[in-house]
PDBML (XML) file of the C-alpha atoms, coordinates in Angstrom:
<?xml version="1.0" encoding="UTF-8" ?>
<PDBx:datablock datablockName="MODEL"
   xmlns:PDBx="http://pdbml.pdb.org/schema/pdbx-v50.xsd"
   xmlns:xsi="http://www.w3.org/2001/XMLSchema-instance"
   xsi:schemaLocation="http://pdbml.pdb.org/schema/pdbx-v50.xsd pdbx-v50.xsd">
   <PDBx:atom_siteCategory>
      <PDBx:atom_site id="1">
         <PDBx:B_iso_or_equiv>0.00</PDBx:B_iso_or_equiv>
         <PDBx:Cartn_x>-25.938</PDBx:Cartn_x>
         <PDBx:Cartn_y>17.410</PDBx:Cartn_y>
         <PDBx:Cartn_z>5.009</PDBx:Cartn_z>
         <PDBx:auth_asym_id>A</PDBx:auth_asym_id>
         <PDBx:auth_atom_id>CA</PDBx:auth_atom_id>
         <PDBx:auth_comp_id>LEU</PDBx:auth_comp_id>
         <PDBx:auth_seq_id>1</PDBx:auth_seq_id>
         <PDBx:group_PDB>ATOM</PDBx:group_PDB>
         <PDBx:label_alt_id xsi:nil="true" />
         <PDBx:label_asym_id>A</PDBx:label_asym_id>
         <PDBx:label_atom_id>CA</PDBx:label_atom_id>
         <PDBx:label_comp_id>LEU</PDBx:label_comp_id>
         <PDBx:label_entity_id>1</PDBx:label_entity_id>
         <PDBx:label_seq_id>1</PDBx:label_seq_id>
         <PDBx:occupancy>1.00</PDBx:occupancy>
         <PDBx:pdbx_PDB_model_num>1</PDBx:pdbx_PDB_model_num>
         <PDBx:type_symbol>C</PDBx:type_symbol>
      </PDBx:atom_site>
      <PDBx:atom_site id="2">
         <PDBx:B_iso_or_equiv>0.00</PDBx:B_iso_or_equiv>
         <PDBx:Cartn_x>-25.741</PDBx:Cartn_x>
         <PDBx:Cartn_y>14.232</PDBx:Cartn_y>
         <PDBx:Cartn_z>7.100</PDBx:Cartn_z>
         <PDBx:auth_asym_id>A</PDBx:auth_asym_id>
         <PDBx:auth_atom_id>CA</PDBx:auth_atom_id>
         <PDBx:auth_comp_id>GLU</PDBx:auth_comp_id>
         <PDBx:auth_seq_id>2</PDBx:auth_seq_id>
         <PDBx:group_PDB>ATOM</PDBx:group_PDB>
         <PDBx:label_alt_id xsi:nil="true" />
         <PDBx:label_asym_id>A</PDBx:label_asym_id>
         <PDBx:label_atom_id>CA</PDBx:label_atom_id>
         <PDBx:label_comp_id>GLU</PDBx:label_comp_id>
         <PDBx:label_entity_id>1</PDBx:label_entity_id>
         <PDBx:label_seq_id>2</PDBx:label_seq_id>
         <PDBx:occupancy>1.00</PDBx:occupancy>
         <PDBx:pdbx_PDB_model_num>1</PDBx:pdbx_PDB_model_num>
         <PDBx:type_symbol>C</PDBx:type_symbol>
      </PDBx:atom_site>
      <PDBx:atom_site id="3">
         <PDBx:B_iso_or_equiv>0.00</PDBx:B_iso_or_equiv>
         <PDBx:Cartn_x>-23.772</PDBx:Cartn_x>
         <PDBx:Cartn_y>12.401</PDBx:Cartn_y>
         <PDBx:Cartn_z>4.336</PDBx:Cartn_z>
         <PDBx:auth_asym_id>A</PDBx:auth_asym_id>
         <PDBx:auth_atom_id>CA</PDBx:auth_atom_id>
         <PDBx:auth_comp_id>LEU</PDBx:auth_comp_id>
         <PDBx:auth_seq_id>3</PDBx:auth_seq_id>
         <PDBx:group_PDB>ATOM</PDBx:group_PDB>
         <PDBx:label_alt_id xsi:nil="true" />
         <PDBx:label_asym_id>A</PDBx:label_asym_id>
         <PDBx:label_atom_id>CA</PDBx:label_atom_id>
         <PDBx:label_comp_id>LEU</PDBx:label_comp_id>
         <PDBx:label_entity_id>1</PDBx:label_entity_id>
         <PDBx:label_seq_id>3</PDBx:label_seq_id>
         <PDBx:occupancy>1.00</PDBx:occupancy>
         <PDBx:pdbx_PDB_model_num>1</PDBx:pdbx_PDB_model_num>
         <PDBx:type_symbol>C</PDBx:type_symbol>
      </PDBx:atom_site>
      <PDBx:atom_site id="4">
         <PDBx:B_iso_or_equiv>0.00</PDBx:B_iso_or_equiv>
         <PDBx:Cartn_x>-20.668</PDBx:Cartn_x>
         <PDBx:Cartn_y>14.562</PDBx:Cartn_y>
         <PDBx:Cartn_z>5.025</PDBx:Cartn_z>
         <PDBx:auth_asym_id>A</PDBx:auth_asym_id>
         <PDBx:auth_atom_id>CA</PDBx:auth_atom_id>
         <PDBx:auth_comp_id>ARG</PDBx:auth_comp_id>
         <PDBx:auth_seq_id>4</PDBx:auth_seq_id>
         <PDBx:group_PDB>ATOM</PDBx:group_PDB>
         <PDBx:label_alt_id xsi:nil="true" />
         <PDBx:label_asym_id>A</PDBx:label_asym_id>
         <PDBx:label_atom_id>CA</PDBx:label_atom_id>
         <PDBx:label_comp_id>ARG</PDBx:label_comp_id>
         <PDBx:label_entity_id>1</PDBx:label_entity_id>
         <PDBx:label_seq_id>4</PDBx:label_seq_id>
         <PDBx:occupancy>1.00</PDBx:occupancy>
         <PDBx:pdbx_PDB_model_num>1</PDBx:pdbx_PDB_model_num>
         <PDBx:type_symbol>C</PDBx:type_symbol>
      </PDBx:atom_site>
      <PDBx:atom_site id="5">
         <PDBx:B_iso_or_equiv>0.00</PDBx:B_iso_or_equiv>
         <PDBx:Cartn_x>-18.895</PDBx:Cartn_x>
         <PDBx:Cartn_y>12.222</PDBx:Cartn_y>
         <PDBx:Cartn_z>7.457</PDBx:Cartn_z>
         <PDBx:auth_asym_id>A</PDBx:auth_asym_id>
         <PDBx:auth_atom_id>CA</PDBx:auth_atom_id>
         <PDBx:auth_comp_id>GLU</PDBx:auth_comp_id>
         <PDBx:auth_seq_id>5</PDBx:auth_seq_id>
         <PDBx:group_PDB>ATOM</PDBx:group_PDB>
         <PDBx:label_alt_id xsi:nil="true" />
         <PDBx:label_asym_id>A</PDBx:label_asym_id>
         <PDBx:label_atom_id>CA</PDBx:label_atom_id>
         <PDBx:label_comp_id>GLU</PDBx:label_comp_id>
         <PDBx:label_entity_id>1</PDBx:label_entity_id>
         <PDBx:label_seq_id>5</PDBx:label_seq_id>
         <PDBx:occupancy>1.00</PDBx:occupancy>
         <PDBx:pdbx_PDB_model_num>1</PDBx:pdbx_PDB_model_num>
         <PDBx:type_symbol>C</PDBx:type_symbol>
      </PDBx:atom_site>
      <PDBx:atom_site id="6">
         <PDBx:B_iso_or_equiv>0.00</PDBx:B_iso_or_equiv>
         <PDBx:Cartn_x>-19.968</PDBx:Cartn_x>
         <PDBx:Cartn_y>9.173</PDBx:Cartn_y>
         <PDBx:Cartn_z>5.525</PDBx:Cartn_z>
         <PDBx:auth_asym_id>A</PDBx:auth_asym_id>
         <PDBx:auth_atom_id>CA</PDBx:auth_atom_id>
         <PDBx:auth_comp_id>GLN</PDBx:auth_comp_id>
         <PDBx:auth_seq_id>6</PDBx:auth_seq_id>
         <PDBx:group_PDB>ATOM</PDBx:group_PDB>
         <PDBx:label_alt_id xsi:nil="true" />
         <PDBx:label_asym_id>A</PDBx:label_asym_id>
         <PDBx:label_atom_id>CA</PDBx:label_atom_id>
         <PDBx:label_comp_id>GLN</PDBx:label_comp_id>
         <PDBx:label_entity_id>1</PDBx:label_entity_id>
         <PDBx:label_seq_id>6</PDBx:label_seq_id>
         <PDBx:occupancy>1.00</PDBx:occupancy>
         <PDBx:pdbx_PDB_model_num>1</PDBx:pdbx_PDB_model_num>
         <PDBx:type_symbol>C</PDBx:type_symbol>
      </PDBx:atom_site>
      <PDBx:atom_site id="7">
         <PDBx:B_iso_or_equiv>0.00</PDBx:B_iso_or_equiv>
         <PDBx:Cartn_x>-18.513</PDBx:Cartn_x>
         <PDBx:Cartn_y>10.421</PDBx:Cartn_y>
         <PDBx:Cartn_z>2.233</PDBx:Cartn_z>
         <PDBx:auth_asym_id>A</PDBx:auth_asym_id>
         <PDBx:auth_atom_id>CA</PDBx:auth_atom_id>
         <PDBx:auth_comp_id>GLU</PDBx:auth_comp_id>
         <PDBx:auth_seq_id>7</PDBx:auth_seq_id>
         <PDBx:group_PDB>ATOM</PDBx:group_PDB>
         <PDBx:label_alt_id xsi:nil="true" />
         <PDBx:label_asym_id>A</PDBx:label_asym_id>
         <PDBx:label_atom_id>CA</PDBx:label_atom_id>
         <PDBx:label_comp_id>GLU</PDBx:label_comp_id>
         <PDBx:label_entity_id>1</PDBx:label_entity_id>
         <PDBx:label_seq_id>7</PDBx:label_seq_id>
         <PDBx:occupancy>1.00</PDBx:occupancy>
         <PDBx:pdbx_PDB_model_num>1</PDBx:pdbx_PDB_model_num>
         <PDBx:type_symbol>C</PDBx:type_symbol>
      </PDBx:atom_site>
      <PDBx:atom_site id="8">
         <PDBx:B_iso_or_equiv>0.00</PDBx:B_iso_or_equiv>
         <PDBx:Cartn_x>-15.287</PDBx:Cartn_x>
         <PDBx:Cartn_y>11.610</PDBx:Cartn_y>
         <PDBx:Cartn_z>3.801</PDBx:Cartn_z>
         <PDBx:auth_asym_id>A</PDBx:auth_asym_id>
         <PDBx:auth_atom_id>CA</PDBx:auth_atom_id>
         <PDBx:auth_comp_id>GLU</PDBx:auth_comp_id>
         <PDBx:auth_seq_id>8</PDBx:auth_seq_id>
         <PDBx:group_PDB>ATOM</PDBx:group_PDB>
         <PDBx:label_alt_id xsi:nil="true" />
         <PDBx:label_asym_id>A</PDBx:label_asym_id>
         <PDBx:label_atom_id>CA</PDBx:label_atom_id>
         <PDBx:label_comp_id>GLU</PDBx:label_comp_id>
         <PDBx:label_entity_id>1</PDBx:label_entity_id>
         <PDBx:label_seq_id>8</PDBx:label_seq_id>
         <PDBx:occupancy>1.00</PDBx:occupancy>
         <PDBx:pdbx_PDB_model_num>1</PDBx:pdbx_PDB_model_num>
         <PDBx:type_symbol>C</PDBx:type_symbol>
      </PDBx:atom_site>
      <PDBx:atom_site id="9">
         <PDBx:B_iso_or_equiv>0.00</PDBx:B_iso_or_equiv>
         <PDBx:Cartn_x>-14.791</PDBx:Cartn_x>
         <PDBx:Cartn_y>8.194</PDBx:Cartn_y>
         <PDBx:Cartn_z>5.503</PDBx:Cartn_z>
         <PDBx:auth_asym_id>A</PDBx:auth_asym_id>
         <PDBx:auth_atom_id>CA</PDBx:auth_atom_id>
         <PDBx:auth_comp_id>THR</PDBx:auth_comp_id>
         <PDBx:auth_seq_id>9</PDBx:auth_seq_id>
         <PDBx:group_PDB>ATOM</PDBx:group_PDB>
         <PDBx:label_alt_id xsi:nil="true" />
         <PDBx:label_asym_id>A</PDBx:label_asym_id>
         <PDBx:label_atom_id>CA</PDBx:label_atom_id>
         <PDBx:label_comp_id>THR</PDBx:label_comp_id>
         <PDBx:label_entity_id>1</PDBx:label_entity_id>
         <PDBx:label_seq_id>9</PDBx:label_seq_id>
         <PDBx:occupancy>1.00</PDBx:occupancy>
         <PDBx:pdbx_PDB_model_num>1</PDBx:pdbx_PDB_model_num>
         <PDBx:type_symbol>C</PDBx:type_symbol>
      </PDBx:atom_site>
      <PDBx:atom_site id="10">
         <PDBx:B_iso_or_equiv>0.00</PDBx:B_iso_or_equiv>
         <PDBx:Cartn_x>-15.533</PDBx:Cartn_x>
         <PDBx:Cartn_y>6.128</PDBx:Cartn_y>
         <PDBx:Cartn_z>2.383</PDBx:Cartn_z>
         <PDBx:auth_asym_id>A</PDBx:auth_asym_id>
         <PDBx:auth_atom_id>CA</PDBx:auth_atom_id>
         <PDBx:auth_comp_id>GLN</PDBx:auth_comp_id>
         <PDBx:auth_seq_id>10</PDBx:auth_seq_id>
         <PDBx:group_PDB>ATOM</PDBx:group_PDB>
         <PDBx:label_alt_id xsi:nil="true" />
         <PDBx:label_asym_id>A</PDBx:label_asym_id>
         <PDBx:label_atom_id>CA</PDBx:label_atom_id>
         <PDBx:label_comp_id>GLN</PDBx:label_comp_id>
         <PDBx:label_entity_id>1</PDBx:label_entity_id>
         <PDBx:label_seq_id>10</PDBx:label_seq_id>
         <PDBx:occupancy>1.00</PDBx:occupancy>
         <PDBx:pdbx_PDB_model_num>1</PDBx:pdbx_PDB_model_num>
         <PDBx:type_symbol>C</PDBx:type_symbol>
      </PDBx:atom_site>
      <PDBx:atom_site id="11">
         <PDBx:B_iso_or_equiv>0.00</PDBx:B_iso_or_equiv>
         <PDBx:Cartn_x>-13.648</PDBx:Cartn_x>
         <PDBx:Cartn_y>8.220</PDBx:Cartn_y>
         <PDBx:Cartn_z>-0.167</PDBx:Cartn_z>
         <PDBx:auth_asym_id>A</PDBx:auth_asym_id>
         <PDBx:auth_atom_id>CA</PDBx:auth_atom_id>
         <PDBx:auth_comp_id>GLY</PDBx:auth_comp_id>
         <PDBx:auth_seq_id>11</PDBx:auth_seq_id>
         <PDBx:group_PDB>ATOM</PDBx:group_PDB>
         <PDBx:label_alt_id xsi:nil="true" />
         <PDBx:label_asym_id>A</PDBx:label_asym_id>
         <PDBx:label_atom_id>CA</PDBx:label_atom_id>
         <PDBx:label_comp_id>GLY</PDBx:label_comp_id>
         <PDBx:label_entity_id>1</PDBx:label_entity_id>
         <PDBx:label_seq_id>11</PDBx:label_seq_id>
         <PDBx:occupancy>1.00</PDBx:occupancy>
         <PDBx:pdbx_PDB_model_num>1</PDBx:pdbx_PDB_model_num>
         <PDBx:type_symbol>C</PDBx:type_symbol>
      </PDBx:atom_site>
      <PDBx:atom_site id="12">
         <PDBx:B_iso_or_equiv>0.00</PDBx:B_iso_or_equiv>
         <PDBx:Cartn_x>-10.650</PDBx:Cartn_x>
         <PDBx:Cartn_y>6.398</PDBx:Cartn_y>
         <PDBx:Cartn_z>-1.576</PDBx:Cartn_z>
         <PDBx:auth_asym_id>A</PDBx:auth_asym_id>
         <PDBx:auth_atom_id>CA</PDBx:auth_atom_id>
         <PDBx:auth_comp_id>GLY</PDBx:auth_comp_id>
         <PDBx:auth_seq_id>12</PDBx:auth_seq_id>
         <PDBx:group_PDB>ATOM</PDBx:group_PDB>
         <PDBx:label_alt_id xsi:nil="true" />
         <PDBx:label_asym_id>A</PDBx:label_asym_id>
         <PDBx:label_atom_id>CA</PDBx:label_atom_id>
         <PDBx:label_comp_id>GLY</PDBx:label_comp_id>
         <PDBx:label_entity_id>1</PDBx:label_entity_id>
         <PDBx:label_seq_id>12</PDBx:label_seq_id>
         <PDBx:occupancy>1.00</PDBx:occupancy>
         <PDBx:pdbx_PDB_model_num>1</PDBx:pdbx_PDB_model_num>
         <PDBx:type_symbol>C</PDBx:type_symbol>
      </PDBx:atom_site>
      <PDBx:atom_site id="13">
         <PDBx:B_iso_or_equiv>0.00</PDBx:B_iso_or_equiv>
         <PDBx:Cartn_x>-11.056</PDBx:Cartn_x>
         <PDBx:Cartn_y>3.438</PDBx:Cartn_y>
         <PDBx:Cartn_z>0.769</PDBx:Cartn_z>
         <PDBx:auth_asym_id>A</PDBx:auth_asym_id>
         <PDBx:auth_atom_id>CA</PDBx:auth_atom_id>
         <PDBx:auth_comp_id>SER</PDBx:auth_comp_id>
         <PDBx:auth_seq_id>13</PDBx:auth_seq_id>
         <PDBx:group_PDB>ATOM</PDBx:group_PDB>
         <PDBx:label_alt_id xsi:nil="true" />
         <PDBx:label_asym_id>A</PDBx:label_asym_id>
         <PDBx:label_atom_id>CA</PDBx:label_atom_id>
         <PDBx:label_comp_id>SER</PDBx:label_comp_id>
         <PDBx:label_entity_id>1</PDBx:label_entity_id>
         <PDBx:label_seq_id>13</PDBx:label_seq_id>
         <PDBx:occupancy>1.00</PDBx:occupancy>
         <PDBx:pdbx_PDB_model_num>1</PDBx:pdbx_PDB_model_num>
         <PDBx:type_symbol>C</PDBx:type_symbol>
      </PDBx:atom_site>
      <PDBx:atom_site id="14">
         <PDBx:B_iso_or_equiv>0.00</PDBx:B_iso_or_equiv>
         <PDBx:Cartn_x>-10.086</PDBx:Cartn_x>
         <PDBx:Cartn_y>0.985</PDBx:Cartn_y>
         <PDBx:Cartn_z>-1.983</PDBx:Cartn_z>
         <PDBx:auth_asym_id>A</PDBx:auth_asym_id>
         <PDBx:auth_atom_id>CA</PDBx:auth_atom_id>
         <PDBx:auth_comp_id>PHE</PDBx:auth_comp_id>
         <PDBx:auth_seq_id>14</PDBx:auth_seq_id>
         <PDBx:group_PDB>ATOM</PDBx:group_PDB>
         <PDBx:label_alt_id xsi:nil="true" />
         <PDBx:label_asym_id>A</PDBx:label_asym_id>
         <PDBx:label_atom_id>CA</PDBx:label_atom_id>
         <PDBx:label_comp_id>PHE</PDBx:label_comp_id>
         <PDBx:label_entity_id>1</PDBx:label_entity_id>
         <PDBx:label_seq_id>14</PDBx:label_seq_id>
         <PDBx:occupancy>1.00</PDBx:occupancy>
         <PDBx:pdbx_PDB_model_num>1</PDBx:pdbx_PDB_model_num>
         <PDBx:type_symbol>C</PDBx:type_symbol>
      </PDBx:atom_site>
      <PDBx:atom_site id="15">
         <PDBx:B_iso_or_equiv>0.00</PDBx:B_iso_or_equiv>
         <PDBx:Cartn_x>-6.557</PDBx:Cartn_x>
         <PDBx:Cartn_y>2.394</PDBx:Cartn_y>
         <PDBx:Cartn_z>-2.486</PDBx:Cartn_z>
         <PDBx:auth_asym_id>A</PDBx:auth_asym_id>
         <PDBx:auth_atom_id>CA</PDBx:auth_atom_id>
         <PDBx:auth_comp_id>LEU</PDBx:auth_comp_id>
         <PDBx:auth_seq_id>15</PDBx:auth_seq_id>
         <PDBx:group_PDB>ATOM</PDBx:group_PDB>
         <PDBx:label_alt_id xsi:nil="true" />
         <PDBx:label_asym_id>A</PDBx:label_asym_id>
         <PDBx:label_atom_id>CA</PDBx:label_atom_id>
         <PDBx:label_comp_id>LEU</PDBx:label_comp_id>
         <PDBx:label_entity_id>1</PDBx:label_entity_id>
         <PDBx:label_seq_id>15</PDBx:label_seq_id>
         <PDBx:occupancy>1.00</PDBx:occupancy>
         <PDBx:pdbx_PDB_model_num>1</PDBx:pdbx_PDB_model_num>
         <PDBx:type_symbol>C</PDBx:type_symbol>
      </PDBx:atom_site>
      <PDBx:atom_site id="16">
         <PDBx:B_iso_or_equiv>0.00</PDBx:B_iso_or_equiv>
         <PDBx:Cartn_x>-3.765</PDBx:Cartn_x>
         <PDBx:Cartn_y>-0.135</PDBx:Cartn_y>
         <PDBx:Cartn_z>-2.057</PDBx:Cartn_z>
         <PDBx:auth_asym_id>A</PDBx:auth_asym_id>
         <PDBx:auth_atom_id>CA</PDBx:auth_atom_id>
         <PDBx:auth_comp_id>GLY</PDBx:auth_comp_id>
         <PDBx:auth_seq_id>16</PDBx:auth_seq_id>
         <PDBx:group_PDB>ATOM</PDBx:group_PDB>
         <PDBx:label_alt_id xsi:nil="true" />
         <PDBx:label_asym_id>A</PDBx:label_asym_id>
         <PDBx:label_atom_id>CA</PDBx:label_atom_id>
         <PDBx:label_comp_id>GLY</PDBx:label_comp_id>
         <PDBx:label_entity_id>1</PDBx:label_entity_id>
         <PDBx:label_seq_id>16</PDBx:label_seq_id>
         <PDBx:occupancy>1.00</PDBx:occupancy>
         <PDBx:pdbx_PDB_model_num>1</PDBx:pdbx_PDB_model_num>
         <PDBx:type_symbol>C</PDBx:type_symbol>
      </PDBx:atom_site>
      <PDBx:atom_site id="17">
         <PDBx:B_iso_or_equiv>0.00</PDBx:B_iso_or_equiv>
         <PDBx:Cartn_x>-6.111</PDBx:Cartn_x>
         <PDBx:Cartn_y>-3.270</PDBx:Cartn_y>
         <PDBx:Cartn_z>-2.149</PDBx:Cartn_z>
         <PDBx:auth_asym_id>A</PDBx:auth_asym_id>
         <PDBx:auth_atom_id>CA</PDBx:auth_atom_id>
         <PDBx:auth_comp_id>THR</PDBx:auth_comp_id>
         <PDBx:auth_seq_id>17</PDBx:auth_seq_id>
         <PDBx:group_PDB>ATOM</PDBx:group_PDB>
         <PDBx:label_alt_id xsi:nil="true" />
         <PDBx:label_asym_id>A</PDBx:label_asym_id>
         <PDBx:label_atom_id>CA</PDBx:label_atom_id>
         <PDBx:label_comp_id>THR</PDBx:label_comp_id>
         <PDBx:label_entity_id>1</PDBx:label_entity_id>
         <PDBx:label_seq_id>17</PDBx:label_seq_id>
         <PDBx:occupancy>1.00</PDBx:occupancy>
         <PDBx:pdbx_PDB_model_num>1</PDBx:pdbx_PDB_model_num>
         <PDBx:type_symbol>C</PDBx:type_symbol>
      </PDBx:atom_site>
      <PDBx:atom_site id="18">
         <PDBx:B_iso_or_equiv>0.00</PDBx:B_iso_or_equiv>
         <PDBx:Cartn_x>-6.112</PDBx:Cartn_x>
         <PDBx:Cartn_y>-3.870</PDBx:Cartn_y>
         <PDBx:Cartn_z>-5.856</PDBx:Cartn_z>
         <PDBx:auth_asym_id>A</PDBx:auth_asym_id>
         <PDBx:auth_atom_id>CA</PDBx:auth_atom_id>
         <PDBx:auth_comp_id>THR</PDBx:auth_comp_id>
         <PDBx:auth_seq_id>18</PDBx:auth_seq_id>
         <PDBx:group_PDB>ATOM</PDBx:group_PDB>
         <PDBx:label_alt_id xsi:nil="true" />
         <PDBx:label_asym_id>A</PDBx:label_asym_id>
         <PDBx:label_atom_id>CA</PDBx:label_atom_id>
         <PDBx:label_comp_id>THR</PDBx:label_comp_id>
         <PDBx:label_entity_id>1</PDBx:label_entity_id>
         <PDBx:label_seq_id>18</PDBx:label_seq_id>
         <PDBx:occupancy>1.00</PDBx:occupancy>
         <PDBx:pdbx_PDB_model_num>1</PDBx:pdbx_PDB_model_num>
         <PDBx:type_symbol>C</PDBx:type_symbol>
      </PDBx:atom_site>
      <PDBx:atom_site id="19">
         <PDBx:B_iso_or_equiv>0.00</PDBx:B_iso_or_equiv>
         <PDBx:Cartn_x>-3.654</PDBx:Cartn_x>
         <PDBx:Cartn_y>-3.819</PDBx:Cartn_y>
         <PDBx:Cartn_z>-8.799</PDBx:Cartn_z>
         <PDBx:auth_asym_id>A</PDBx:auth_asym_id>
         <PDBx:auth_atom_id>CA</PDBx:auth_atom_id>
         <PDBx:auth_comp_id>LEU</PDBx:auth_comp_id>
         <PDBx:auth_seq_id>19</PDBx:auth_seq_id>
         <PDBx:group_PDB>ATOM</PDBx:group_PDB>
         <PDBx:label_alt_id xsi:nil="true" />
         <PDBx:label_asym_id>A</PDBx:label_asym_id>
         <PDBx:label_atom_id>CA</PDBx:label_atom_id>
         <PDBx:label_comp_id>LEU</PDBx:label_comp_id>
         <PDBx:label_entity_id>1</PDBx:label_entity_id>
         <PDBx:label_seq_id>19</PDBx:label_seq_id>
         <PDBx:occupancy>1.00</PDBx:occupancy>
         <PDBx:pdbx_PDB_model_num>1</PDBx:pdbx_PDB_model_num>
         <PDBx:type_symbol>C</PDBx:type_symbol>
      </PDBx:atom_site>
      <PDBx:atom_site id="20">
         <PDBx:B_iso_or_equiv>0.00</PDBx:B_iso_or_equiv>
         <PDBx:Cartn_x>-4.446</PDBx:Cartn_x>
         <PDBx:Cartn_y>-3.877</PDBx:Cartn_y>
         <PDBx:Cartn_z>-12.510</PDBx:Cartn_z>
         <PDBx:auth_asym_id>A</PDBx:auth_asym_id>
         <PDBx:auth_atom_id>CA</PDBx:auth_atom_id>
         <PDBx:auth_comp_id>ARG</PDBx:auth_comp_id>
         <PDBx:auth_seq_id>20</PDBx:auth_seq_id>
         <PDBx:group_PDB>ATOM</PDBx:group_PDB>
         <PDBx:label_alt_id xsi:nil="true" />
         <PDBx:label_asym_id>A</PDBx:label_asym_id>
         <PDBx:label_atom_id>CA</PDBx:label_atom_id>
         <PDBx:label_comp_id>ARG</PDBx:label_comp_id>
         <PDBx:label_entity_id>1</PDBx:label_entity_id>
         <PDBx:label_seq_id>20</PDBx:label_seq_id>
         <PDBx:occupancy>1.00</PDBx:occupancy>
         <PDBx:pdbx_PDB_model_num>1</PDBx:pdbx_PDB_model_num>
         <PDBx:type_symbol>C</PDBx:type_symbol>
      </PDBx:atom_site>
      <PDBx:atom_site id="21">
         <PDBx:B_iso_or_equiv>0.00</PDBx:B_iso_or_equiv>
         <PDBx:Cartn_x>-2.525</PDBx:Cartn_x>
         <PDBx:Cartn_y>-6.432</PDBx:Cartn_y>
         <PDBx:Cartn_z>-14.524</PDBx:Cartn_z>
         <PDBx:auth_asym_id>A</PDBx:auth_asym_id>
         <PDBx:auth_atom_id>CA</PDBx:auth_atom_id>
         <PDBx:auth_comp_id>VAL</PDBx:auth_comp_id>
         <PDBx:auth_seq_id>21</PDBx:auth_seq_id>
         <PDBx:group_PDB>ATOM</PDBx:group_PDB>
         <PDBx:label_alt_id xsi:nil="true" />
         <PDBx:label_asym_id>A</PDBx:label_asym_id>
         <PDBx:label_atom_id>CA</PDBx:label_atom_id>
         <PDBx:label_comp_id>VAL</PDBx:label_comp_id>
         <PDBx:label_entity_id>1</PDBx:label_entity_id>
         <PDBx:label_seq_id>21</PDBx:label_seq_id>
         <PDBx:occupancy>1.00</PDBx:occupancy>
         <PDBx:pdbx_PDB_model_num>1</PDBx:pdbx_PDB_model_num>
         <PDBx:type_symbol>C</PDBx:type_symbol>
      </PDBx:atom_site>
      <PDBx:atom_site id="22">
         <PDBx:B_iso_or_equiv>0.00</PDBx:B_iso_or_equiv>
         <PDBx:Cartn_x>-2.557</PDBx:Cartn_x>
         <PDBx:Cartn_y>-6.652</PDBx:Cartn_y>
         <PDBx:Cartn_z>-18.329</PDBx:Cartn_z>
         <PDBx:auth_asym_id>A</PDBx:auth_asym_id>
         <PDBx:auth_atom_id>CA</PDBx:auth_atom_id>
         <PDBx:auth_comp_id>ASN</PDBx:auth_comp_id>
         <PDBx:auth_seq_id>22</PDBx:auth_seq_id>
         <PDBx:group_PDB>ATOM</PDBx:group_PDB>
         <PDBx:label_alt_id xsi:nil="true" />
         <PDBx:label_asym_id>A</PDBx:label_asym_id>
         <PDBx:label_atom_id>CA</PDBx:label_atom_id>
         <PDBx:label_comp_id>ASN</PDBx:label_comp_id>
         <PDBx:label_entity_id>1</PDBx:label_entity_id>
         <PDBx:label_seq_id>22</PDBx:label_seq_id>
         <PDBx:occupancy>1.00</PDBx:occupancy>
         <PDBx:pdbx_PDB_model_num>1</PDBx:pdbx_PDB_model_num>
         <PDBx:type_symbol>C</PDBx:type_symbol>
      </PDBx:atom_site>
      <PDBx:atom_site id="23">
         <PDBx:B_iso_or_equiv>0.00</PDBx:B_iso_or_equiv>
         <PDBx:Cartn_x>-4.042</PDBx:Cartn_x>
         <PDBx:Cartn_y>-9.992</PDBx:Cartn_y>
         <PDBx:Cartn_z>-19.411</PDBx:Cartn_z>
         <PDBx:auth_asym_id>A</PDBx:auth_asym_id>
         <PDBx:auth_atom_id>CA</PDBx:auth_atom_id>
         <PDBx:auth_comp_id>ILE</PDBx:auth_comp_id>
         <PDBx:auth_seq_id>23</PDBx:auth_seq_id>
         <PDBx:group_PDB>ATOM</PDBx:group_PDB>
         <PDBx:label_alt_id xsi:nil="true" />
         <PDBx:label_asym_id>A</PDBx:label_asym_id>
         <PDBx:label_atom_id>CA</PDBx:label_atom_id>
         <PDBx:label_comp_id>ILE</PDBx:label_comp_id>
         <PDBx:label_entity_id>1</PDBx:label_entity_id>
         <PDBx:label_seq_id>23</PDBx:label_seq_id>
         <PDBx:occupancy>1.00</PDBx:occupancy>
         <PDBx:pdbx_PDB_model_num>1</PDBx:pdbx_PDB_model_num>
         <PDBx:type_symbol>C</PDBx:type_symbol>
      </PDBx:atom_site>
      <PDBx:atom_site id="24">
         <PDBx:B_iso_or_equiv>0.00</PDBx:B_iso_or_equiv>
         <PDBx:Cartn_x>-1.037</PDBx:Cartn_x>
         <PDBx:Cartn_y>-10.509</PDBx:Cartn_y>
         <PDBx:Cartn_z>-21.716</PDBx:Cartn_z>
         <PDBx:auth_asym_id>A</PDBx:auth_asym_id>
         <PDBx:auth_atom_id>CA</PDBx:auth_atom_id>
         <PDBx:auth_comp_id>GLN</PDBx:auth_comp_id>
         <PDBx:auth_seq_id>24</PDBx:auth_seq_id>
         <PDBx:group_PDB>ATOM</PDBx:group_PDB>
         <PDBx:label_alt_id xsi:nil="true" />
         <PDBx:label_asym_id>A</PDBx:label_asym_id>
         <PDBx:label_atom_id>CA</PDBx:label_atom_id>
         <PDBx:label_comp_id>GLN</PDBx:label_comp_id>
         <PDBx:label_entity_id>1</PDBx:label_entity_id>
         <PDBx:label_seq_id>24</PDBx:label_seq_id>
         <PDBx:occupancy>1.00</PDBx:occupancy>
         <PDBx:pdbx_PDB_model_num>1</PDBx:pdbx_PDB_model_num>
         <PDBx:type_symbol>C</PDBx:type_symbol>
      </PDBx:atom_site>
   </PDBx:atom_siteCategory>
</PDBx:datablock>
């Protein structure tokens, strides 16, 4: 339905902005 474009735009938008680091 009308969420098609919104979902395709938002999907995976966080890639490359964060990095997991072990607390140790």
